[in-house]
Amino acid sequence: MGNIETRIKELGYKLPEQANPGGNYVPTVLISKSNLIYTSGTISKAADGSLLTGKLGKDLEIEEGYSAAKQTGLNLLGSLKASIGELDKIKQIVKLLCLINSTDSFESHPLVANGCSDLLVEIFGEKGKHARSAVGVASLPSNVCVEIEMIVEISE
């Protein structure tokens, strides 16, 4: 077990197993010449595999969305671990795209996306700081509240 996985355990988190794709795509794609790995959009699932559903601004409060985004961050790390073996290979979290299932009047998308961003900085420190977009959408698959994709630079 690497340093990052030890840090994750020390913080009281547990990495889930990589989820099976819901269609004709793969969970991650590594661009070897650039050492970038792209994740597919990862939906908000609880540690027990149940979906975290609802619409921000109607069914869920910001804190619930934040928690769902945090869990989605752990789900993304589980996919990365399955793809690259050791999370210690991560040199930099480059970019997040956070999609928030929300009403048209909800304006706190960044506060929800902070759940994932804060987790990554908590685990990786400076290497966890990243560029990010937080966007509200009318719906997401199975009415999940959050979907996030990530671009990560890894060492060889």
N, C-alpha and C. Protein backbone atom coordinates (compact mmCIF):
# COMPACT_ATOMS: atom_id res chain seq x y z
N MET A 1 0.85 -1.17 0.00
CA MET A 1 0.00 0.00 0.00
C MET A 1 0.90 1.24 0.00
N GLY A 2 0.59 2.19 -0.87
CA GLY A 2 1.38 3.40 -1.00
C GLY A 2 1.03 4.45 0.03
N ASN A 3 1.79 5.55 0.00
CA ASN A 3 1.58 6.64 0.94
C ASN A 3 0.20 7.27 0.82
N ILE A 4 -0.28 7.45 -0.41
CA ILE A 4 -1.58 8.09 -0.60
C ILE A 4 -2.69 7.20 -0.04
N GLU A 5 -2.63 5.89 -0.30
CA GLU A 5 -3.65 5.00 0.26
C GLU A 5 -3.59 4.97 1.78
N THR A 6 -2.41 5.03 2.34
CA THR A 6 -2.27 5.11 3.79
C THR A 6 -2.90 6.39 4.30
N ARG A 7 -2.66 7.51 3.61
CA ARG A 7 -3.25 8.79 3.99
C ARG A 7 -4.77 8.73 3.94
N ILE A 8 -5.31 8.10 2.92
CA ILE A 8 -6.76 7.95 2.77
C ILE A 8 -7.33 7.19 3.98
N LYS A 9 -6.67 6.11 4.37
CA LYS A 9 -7.12 5.33 5.54
C LYS A 9 -7.01 6.14 6.82
N GLU A 10 -5.90 6.87 6.99
CA GLU A 10 -5.71 7.70 8.18
C GLU A 10 -6.81 8.76 8.31
N LEU A 11 -7.29 9.25 7.17
CA LEU A 11 -8.34 10.25 7.18
C LEU A 11 -9.72 9.63 7.41
N GLY A 12 -9.77 8.30 7.46
CA GLY A 12 -11.03 7.61 7.74
C GLY A 12 -11.88 7.32 6.51
N TYR A 13 -11.28 7.42 5.32
CA TYR A 13 -12.02 7.13 4.08
C TYR A 13 -11.71 5.72 3.61
N LYS A 14 -12.61 5.20 2.79
CA LYS A 14 -12.42 3.88 2.18
C LYS A 14 -12.66 4.00 0.69
N LEU A 15 -11.72 3.51 -0.11
CA LEU A 15 -11.87 3.54 -1.56
C LEU A 15 -12.81 2.43 -2.00
N PRO A 16 -13.82 2.77 -2.79
CA PRO A 16 -14.69 1.72 -3.34
C PRO A 16 -14.00 1.04 -4.51
N GLU A 17 -14.50 -0.12 -4.88
CA GLU A 17 -14.02 -0.80 -6.08
C GLU A 17 -14.48 0.01 -7.29
N GLN A 18 -13.76 -0.13 -8.38
CA GLN A 18 -14.14 0.56 -9.61
C GLN A 18 -15.50 0.07 -10.07
N ALA A 19 -16.37 1.01 -10.42
CA ALA A 19 -17.71 0.66 -10.90
C ALA A 19 -17.63 0.16 -12.34
N ASN A 20 -18.54 -0.74 -12.68
CA ASN A 20 -18.63 -1.20 -14.06
C ASN A 20 -19.29 -0.13 -14.91
N PRO A 21 -18.79 0.09 -16.13
CA PRO A 21 -19.41 1.08 -17.00
C PRO A 21 -20.88 0.76 -17.27
N GLY A 22 -21.68 1.81 -17.41
CA GLY A 22 -23.09 1.65 -17.68
C GLY A 22 -23.40 1.68 -19.16
N GLY A 23 -22.40 1.63 -20.00
CA GLY A 23 -22.60 1.68 -21.44
C GLY A 23 -21.32 1.30 -22.15
N ASN A 24 -21.20 1.74 -23.39
CA ASN A 24 -20.07 1.38 -24.24
C ASN A 24 -18.94 2.40 -24.06
N TYR A 25 -18.32 2.39 -22.88
CA TYR A 25 -17.20 3.26 -22.57
C TYR A 25 -16.37 2.60 -21.48
N VAL A 26 -15.21 3.16 -21.19
CA VAL A 26 -14.34 2.64 -20.12
C VAL A 26 -14.24 3.69 -19.01
N PRO A 27 -13.94 3.27 -17.78
CA PRO A 27 -13.88 4.21 -16.66
C PRO A 27 -12.75 5.24 -16.76
N THR A 28 -11.61 4.85 -17.37
CA THR A 28 -10.49 5.77 -17.50
C THR A 28 -9.76 5.53 -18.81
N VAL A 29 -9.07 6.58 -19.30
CA VAL A 29 -8.22 6.46 -20.48
C VAL A 29 -6.91 7.17 -20.17
N LEU A 30 -5.80 6.45 -20.32
CA LEU A 30 -4.47 7.00 -20.08
C LEU A 30 -3.87 7.43 -21.40
N ILE A 31 -3.42 8.68 -21.46
CA ILE A 31 -2.73 9.20 -22.63
C ILE A 31 -1.24 9.10 -22.32
N SER A 32 -0.59 8.03 -22.81
CA SER A 32 0.76 7.68 -22.35
C SER A 32 1.82 8.70 -22.69
N LYS A 33 1.80 9.30 -23.84
CA LYS A 33 2.86 10.26 -24.19
C LYS A 33 2.79 11.51 -23.32
N SER A 34 1.62 11.85 -22.84
CA SER A 34 1.48 13.05 -22.02
C SER A 34 1.36 12.71 -20.53
N ASN A 35 1.22 11.44 -20.20
CA ASN A 35 1.03 11.00 -18.83
C ASN A 35 -0.23 11.57 -18.20
N LEU A 36 -1.25 11.80 -19.02
CA LEU A 36 -2.54 12.25 -18.52
C LEU A 36 -3.51 11.09 -18.54
N ILE A 37 -4.32 11.00 -17.51
CA ILE A 37 -5.39 10.00 -17.46
C ILE A 37 -6.70 10.76 -17.30
N TYR A 38 -7.67 10.40 -18.11
CA TYR A 38 -8.99 11.01 -18.11
C TYR A 38 -9.98 10.00 -17.54
N THR A 39 -10.81 10.44 -16.63
CA THR A 39 -11.85 9.55 -16.13
C THR A 39 -13.15 9.83 -16.88
N SER A 40 -13.98 8.82 -16.96
CA SER A 40 -15.34 9.03 -17.43
C SER A 40 -16.12 9.74 -16.34
N GLY A 41 -17.26 10.30 -16.69
CA GLY A 41 -18.11 10.88 -15.68
C GLY A 41 -18.48 9.81 -14.66
N THR A 42 -18.31 10.13 -13.39
CA THR A 42 -18.57 9.19 -12.31
C THR A 42 -19.72 9.76 -11.49
N ILE A 43 -20.76 8.96 -11.32
CA ILE A 43 -21.96 9.43 -10.63
C ILE A 43 -21.85 9.24 -9.12
N SER A 44 -22.72 9.95 -8.42
CA SER A 44 -22.71 9.90 -6.96
C SER A 44 -23.36 8.61 -6.47
N LYS A 45 -22.49 7.73 -5.94
CA LYS A 45 -22.91 6.48 -5.31
C LYS A 45 -22.34 6.44 -3.92
N ALA A 46 -23.15 6.00 -2.97
CA ALA A 46 -22.69 5.84 -1.59
C ALA A 46 -21.72 4.66 -1.51
N ALA A 47 -21.02 4.56 -0.40
CA ALA A 47 -20.06 3.47 -0.19
C ALA A 47 -20.73 2.11 -0.33
N ASP A 48 -22.02 2.00 0.00
CA ASP A 48 -22.73 0.72 -0.11
C ASP A 48 -23.24 0.45 -1.53
N GLY A 49 -22.96 1.37 -2.46
CA GLY A 49 -23.36 1.19 -3.85
C GLY A 49 -24.71 1.81 -4.20
N SER A 50 -25.43 2.30 -3.21
CA SER A 50 -26.72 2.92 -3.50
C SER A 50 -26.50 4.29 -4.13
N LEU A 51 -27.41 4.69 -5.00
CA LEU A 51 -27.29 5.97 -5.68
C LEU A 51 -27.65 7.12 -4.74
N LEU A 52 -26.90 8.20 -4.86
CA LEU A 52 -27.20 9.42 -4.12
C LEU A 52 -27.97 10.32 -5.07
N THR A 53 -29.28 10.43 -4.86
CA THR A 53 -30.16 11.06 -5.83
C THR A 53 -30.79 12.34 -5.30
N GLY A 54 -31.36 13.09 -6.22
CA GLY A 54 -32.11 14.29 -5.87
C GLY A 54 -31.58 15.51 -6.58
N LYS A 55 -32.37 16.55 -6.53
CA LYS A 55 -32.07 17.80 -7.21
C LYS A 55 -31.74 18.86 -6.16
N LEU A 56 -30.56 19.48 -6.32
CA LEU A 56 -30.17 20.58 -5.43
C LEU A 56 -31.12 21.75 -5.67
N GLY A 57 -31.53 22.37 -4.59
CA GLY A 57 -32.47 23.47 -4.67
C GLY A 57 -33.91 23.03 -4.56
N LYS A 58 -34.13 21.71 -4.55
CA LYS A 58 -35.49 21.16 -4.41
C LYS A 58 -35.49 20.05 -3.37
N ASP A 59 -34.74 18.97 -3.64
CA ASP A 59 -34.74 17.79 -2.77
C ASP A 59 -33.60 17.79 -1.76
N LEU A 60 -32.51 18.48 -2.09
CA LEU A 60 -31.29 18.39 -1.29
C LEU A 60 -30.77 19.76 -0.90
N GLU A 61 -30.14 19.82 0.26
CA GLU A 61 -29.46 21.02 0.74
C GLU A 61 -28.01 21.00 0.24
N ILE A 62 -27.36 22.14 0.30
CA ILE A 62 -25.96 22.24 -0.15
C ILE A 62 -25.08 21.22 0.54
N GLU A 63 -25.26 21.03 1.86
CA GLU A 63 -24.43 20.10 2.62
C GLU A 63 -24.57 18.67 2.11
N GLU A 64 -25.77 18.28 1.69
CA GLU A 64 -25.98 16.93 1.15
C GLU A 64 -25.30 16.78 -0.21
N GLY A 65 -25.36 17.82 -1.02
CA GLY A 65 -24.66 17.81 -2.30
C GLY A 65 -23.15 17.77 -2.11
N TYR A 66 -22.65 18.53 -1.14
CA TYR A 66 -21.23 18.54 -0.81
C TYR A 66 -20.77 17.13 -0.44
N SER A 67 -21.53 16.47 0.41
CA SER A 67 -21.22 15.10 0.83
C SER A 67 -21.23 14.14 -0.35
N ALA A 68 -22.20 14.29 -1.25
CA ALA A 68 -22.27 13.44 -2.44
C ALA A 68 -21.07 13.68 -3.35
N ALA A 69 -20.65 14.93 -3.49
CA ALA A 69 -19.48 15.24 -4.32
C ALA A 69 -18.21 14.66 -3.69
N LYS A 70 -18.13 14.69 -2.37
CA LYS A 70 -16.99 14.11 -1.66
C LYS A 70 -16.93 12.60 -1.92
N GLN A 71 -18.07 11.92 -1.79
CA GLN A 71 -18.10 10.48 -2.05
C GLN A 71 -17.77 10.18 -3.51
N THR A 72 -18.22 11.04 -4.42
CA THR A 72 -17.91 10.85 -5.83
C THR A 72 -16.41 10.97 -6.06
N GLY A 73 -15.75 11.86 -5.32
CA GLY A 73 -14.29 11.96 -5.37
C GLY A 73 -13.62 10.66 -4.97
N LEU A 74 -14.13 10.02 -3.92
CA LEU A 74 -13.59 8.71 -3.52
C LEU A 74 -13.83 7.68 -4.61
N ASN A 75 -15.00 7.74 -5.25
CA ASN A 75 -15.30 6.80 -6.34
C ASN A 75 -14.33 7.00 -7.50
N LEU A 76 -14.02 8.26 -7.81
CA LEU A 76 -13.04 8.55 -8.86
C LEU A 76 -11.67 7.99 -8.50
N LEU A 77 -11.25 8.16 -7.25
CA LEU A 77 -9.96 7.62 -6.83
C LEU A 77 -9.94 6.10 -6.90
N GLY A 78 -11.07 5.47 -6.61
CA GLY A 78 -11.16 4.01 -6.77
C GLY A 78 -10.94 3.60 -8.21
N SER A 79 -11.51 4.33 -9.16
CA SER A 79 -11.30 4.04 -10.58
C SER A 79 -9.84 4.27 -10.98
N LEU A 80 -9.27 5.35 -10.48
CA LEU A 80 -7.86 5.62 -10.81
C LEU A 80 -6.95 4.52 -10.26
N LYS A 81 -7.20 4.09 -9.03
CA LYS A 81 -6.39 3.02 -8.45
C LYS A 81 -6.49 1.75 -9.28
N ALA A 82 -7.70 1.41 -9.74
CA ALA A 82 -7.88 0.22 -10.57
C ALA A 82 -7.12 0.35 -11.90
N SER A 83 -6.98 1.58 -12.38
CA SER A 83 -6.32 1.79 -13.67
C SER A 83 -4.81 1.91 -13.58
N ILE A 84 -4.31 2.59 -12.55
CA ILE A 84 -2.86 2.84 -12.48
C ILE A 84 -2.15 2.06 -11.39
N GLY A 85 -2.90 1.35 -10.56
CA GLY A 85 -2.30 0.50 -9.52
C GLY A 85 -2.04 1.23 -8.22
N GLU A 86 -1.21 2.23 -8.23
CA GLU A 86 -0.83 2.96 -7.02
C GLU A 86 -1.20 4.43 -7.16
N LEU A 87 -1.92 4.96 -6.19
CA LEU A 87 -2.29 6.37 -6.24
C LEU A 87 -1.08 7.28 -6.00
N ASP A 88 0.03 6.72 -5.52
CA ASP A 88 1.25 7.51 -5.36
C ASP A 88 1.81 7.95 -6.71
N LYS A 89 1.34 7.35 -7.80
CA LYS A 89 1.78 7.76 -9.14
C LYS A 89 1.17 9.11 -9.55
N ILE A 90 0.19 9.59 -8.80
CA ILE A 90 -0.46 10.85 -9.16
C ILE A 90 0.49 12.01 -8.88
N LYS A 91 0.83 12.75 -9.93
CA LYS A 91 1.68 13.93 -9.82
C LYS A 91 0.86 15.17 -9.55
N GLN A 92 -0.33 15.25 -10.17
CA GLN A 92 -1.16 16.44 -10.05
C GLN A 92 -2.59 16.13 -10.47
N ILE A 93 -3.54 16.58 -9.67
CA ILE A 93 -4.93 16.60 -10.12
C ILE A 93 -5.03 17.84 -11.02
N VAL A 94 -5.36 17.65 -12.29
CA VAL A 94 -5.31 18.74 -13.25
C VAL A 94 -6.64 19.49 -13.34
N LYS A 95 -7.75 18.75 -13.49
CA LYS A 95 -9.03 19.41 -13.78
C LYS A 95 -10.19 18.55 -13.35
N LEU A 96 -11.23 19.20 -12.82
CA LEU A 96 -12.50 18.54 -12.53
C LEU A 96 -13.60 19.23 -13.34
N LEU A 97 -14.52 18.44 -13.82
CA LEU A 97 -15.78 18.95 -14.36
C LEU A 97 -16.87 18.37 -13.47
N CYS A 98 -17.54 19.25 -12.73
CA CYS A 98 -18.56 18.84 -11.77
C CYS A 98 -19.93 19.24 -12.30
N LEU A 99 -20.78 18.25 -12.53
CA LEU A 99 -22.14 18.48 -13.00
C LEU A 99 -23.08 18.29 -11.82
N ILE A 100 -23.89 19.31 -11.56
CA ILE A 100 -24.77 19.32 -10.40
C ILE A 100 -26.22 19.30 -10.87
N ASN A 101 -26.97 18.27 -10.50
CA ASN A 101 -28.40 18.17 -10.82
C ASN A 101 -29.12 19.20 -9.95
N SER A 102 -29.65 20.25 -10.59
CA SER A 102 -30.19 21.36 -9.79
C SER A 102 -31.37 22.04 -10.48
N THR A 103 -32.10 22.77 -9.67
CA THR A 103 -33.19 23.60 -10.20
C THR A 103 -32.58 24.77 -10.96
N ASP A 104 -33.40 25.42 -11.78
CA ASP A 104 -32.87 26.55 -12.55
C ASP A 104 -32.56 27.77 -11.68
N SER A 105 -33.07 27.80 -10.47
CA SER A 105 -32.78 28.94 -9.58
C SER A 105 -31.63 28.67 -8.61
N PHE A 106 -31.10 27.44 -8.57
CA PHE A 106 -29.98 27.10 -7.68
C PHE A 106 -28.70 27.76 -8.20
N GLU A 107 -27.97 28.42 -7.31
CA GLU A 107 -26.77 29.15 -7.74
C GLU A 107 -25.51 28.78 -6.97
N SER A 108 -25.56 27.73 -6.16
CA SER A 108 -24.43 27.39 -5.30
C SER A 108 -23.67 26.16 -5.78
N HIS A 109 -23.58 25.99 -7.09
CA HIS A 109 -22.88 24.84 -7.66
C HIS A 109 -21.44 24.71 -7.13
N PRO A 110 -20.69 25.82 -7.05
CA PRO A 110 -19.33 25.70 -6.54
C PRO A 110 -19.26 25.17 -5.11
N LEU A 111 -20.24 25.50 -4.27
CA LEU A 111 -20.23 25.00 -2.90
C LEU A 111 -20.44 23.49 -2.85
N VAL A 112 -21.23 22.96 -3.77
CA VAL A 112 -21.41 21.51 -3.87
C VAL A 112 -20.13 20.87 -4.37
N ALA A 113 -19.56 21.41 -5.45
CA ALA A 113 -18.33 20.86 -6.04
C ALA A 113 -17.16 20.88 -5.06
N ASN A 114 -17.20 21.80 -4.10
CA ASN A 114 -16.13 21.85 -3.09
C ASN A 114 -15.98 20.53 -2.34
N GLY A 115 -17.03 19.73 -2.28
CA GLY A 115 -16.92 18.43 -1.60
C GLY A 115 -15.82 17.58 -2.19
N CYS A 116 -15.77 17.51 -3.51
CA CYS A 116 -14.72 16.74 -4.19
C CYS A 116 -13.38 17.48 -4.11
N SER A 117 -13.40 18.78 -4.38
CA SER A 117 -12.16 19.56 -4.37
C SER A 117 -11.49 19.52 -3.00
N ASP A 118 -12.26 19.72 -1.94
CA ASP A 118 -11.70 19.71 -0.59
C ASP A 118 -11.11 18.35 -0.25
N LEU A 119 -11.79 17.27 -0.66
CA LEU A 119 -11.27 15.92 -0.42
C LEU A 119 -9.91 15.74 -1.10
N LEU A 120 -9.80 16.15 -2.35
CA LEU A 120 -8.55 15.95 -3.10
C LEU A 120 -7.40 16.74 -2.48
N VAL A 121 -7.66 17.96 -2.02
CA VAL A 121 -6.61 18.75 -1.38
C VAL A 121 -6.28 18.15 0.00
N GLU A 122 -7.29 17.65 0.70
CA GLU A 122 -7.05 17.00 2.00
C GLU A 122 -6.13 15.79 1.84
N ILE A 123 -6.33 15.02 0.79
CA ILE A 123 -5.54 13.80 0.57
C ILE A 123 -4.18 14.10 -0.05
N PHE A 124 -4.15 14.93 -1.09
CA PHE A 124 -2.94 15.12 -1.89
C PHE A 124 -2.18 16.41 -1.59
N GLY A 125 -2.73 17.28 -0.76
CA GLY A 125 -2.07 18.56 -0.49
C GLY A 125 -2.00 19.41 -1.76
N GLU A 126 -0.87 20.04 -2.00
CA GLU A 126 -0.70 20.92 -3.17
C GLU A 126 -0.97 20.19 -4.48
N LYS A 127 -0.63 18.91 -4.56
CA LYS A 127 -0.87 18.13 -5.78
C LYS A 127 -2.36 17.95 -6.05
N GLY A 128 -3.18 18.18 -5.03
CA GLY A 128 -4.61 18.04 -5.19
C GLY A 128 -5.31 19.29 -5.69
N LYS A 129 -4.60 20.42 -5.74
CA LYS A 129 -5.20 21.66 -6.23
C LYS A 129 -5.33 21.59 -7.75
N HIS A 130 -6.46 22.02 -8.26
CA HIS A 130 -6.80 21.77 -9.66
C HIS A 130 -7.65 22.89 -10.24
N ALA A 131 -7.72 22.92 -11.56
CA ALA A 131 -8.69 23.77 -12.24
C ALA A 131 -10.04 23.06 -12.15
N ARG A 132 -11.14 23.83 -12.24
CA ARG A 132 -12.44 23.19 -12.05
C ARG A 132 -13.55 23.99 -12.71
N SER A 133 -14.54 23.28 -13.19
CA SER A 133 -15.81 23.87 -13.61
C SER A 133 -16.90 23.20 -12.78
N ALA A 134 -17.85 24.02 -12.31
CA ALA A 134 -19.02 23.51 -11.58
C ALA A 134 -20.25 24.03 -12.30
N VAL A 135 -21.02 23.10 -12.87
CA VAL A 135 -22.10 23.46 -13.78
C VAL A 135 -23.40 22.83 -13.32
N GLY A 136 -24.48 23.60 -13.34
CA GLY A 136 -25.80 23.07 -13.05
C GLY A 136 -26.42 22.48 -14.30
N VAL A 137 -27.07 21.33 -14.15
CA VAL A 137 -27.75 20.68 -15.27
C VAL A 137 -29.18 20.33 -14.86
N ALA A 138 -30.04 20.19 -15.85
CA ALA A 138 -31.46 19.91 -15.60
C ALA A 138 -31.69 18.51 -15.07
N SER A 139 -30.85 17.56 -15.46
CA SER A 139 -30.99 16.19 -14.97
C SER A 139 -29.69 15.44 -15.16
N LEU A 140 -29.55 14.34 -14.43
CA LEU A 140 -28.42 13.42 -14.56
C LEU A 140 -28.97 12.00 -14.56
N PRO A 141 -28.19 11.02 -15.05
CA PRO A 141 -28.68 9.63 -15.10
C PRO A 141 -29.21 9.15 -13.76
N SER A 142 -30.34 8.48 -13.79
CA SER A 142 -30.97 7.90 -12.60
C SER A 142 -31.25 8.94 -11.51
N ASN A 143 -31.33 10.20 -11.88
CA ASN A 143 -31.60 11.29 -10.96
C ASN A 143 -30.51 11.46 -9.89
N VAL A 144 -29.26 11.01 -10.19
CA VAL A 144 -28.18 11.25 -9.23
C VAL A 144 -27.97 12.75 -9.09
N CYS A 145 -27.44 13.16 -7.95
CA CYS A 145 -27.29 14.59 -7.70
C CYS A 145 -25.99 15.17 -8.23
N VAL A 146 -24.98 14.33 -8.43
CA VAL A 146 -23.66 14.81 -8.86
C VAL A 146 -23.05 13.82 -9.84
N GLU A 147 -22.36 14.35 -10.83
CA GLU A 147 -21.50 13.56 -11.72
C GLU A 147 -20.23 14.35 -11.93
N ILE A 148 -19.08 13.69 -11.79
CA ILE A 148 -17.80 14.39 -11.89
C ILE A 148 -16.86 13.60 -12.79
N GLU A 149 -16.12 14.33 -13.63
CA GLU A 149 -15.03 13.72 -14.37
C GLU A 149 -13.74 14.44 -14.00
N MET A 150 -12.62 13.76 -14.19
CA MET A 150 -11.33 14.26 -13.70
C MET A 150 -10.24 14.01 -14.73
N ILE A 151 -9.29 14.94 -14.80
CA ILE A 151 -8.06 14.75 -15.57
C ILE A 151 -6.93 14.79 -14.57
N VAL A 152 -6.03 13.78 -14.65
CA VAL A 152 -4.94 13.64 -13.68
C VAL A 152 -3.64 13.41 -14.43
N GLU A 153 -2.57 14.05 -13.95
CA GLU A 153 -1.24 13.77 -14.47
C GLU A 153 -0.59 12.74 -13.56
N ILE A 154 0.01 11.71 -14.18
CA ILE A 154 0.69 10.68 -13.39
C ILE A 154 2.17 10.62 -13.78
N SER A 155 2.96 10.08 -12.88
CA SER A 155 4.37 9.85 -13.18
C SER A 155 4.50 8.55 -13.94
N GLU A 156 5.60 8.38 -14.61
CA GLU A 156 5.83 7.15 -15.41
C GLU A 156 6.14 5.97 -14.53
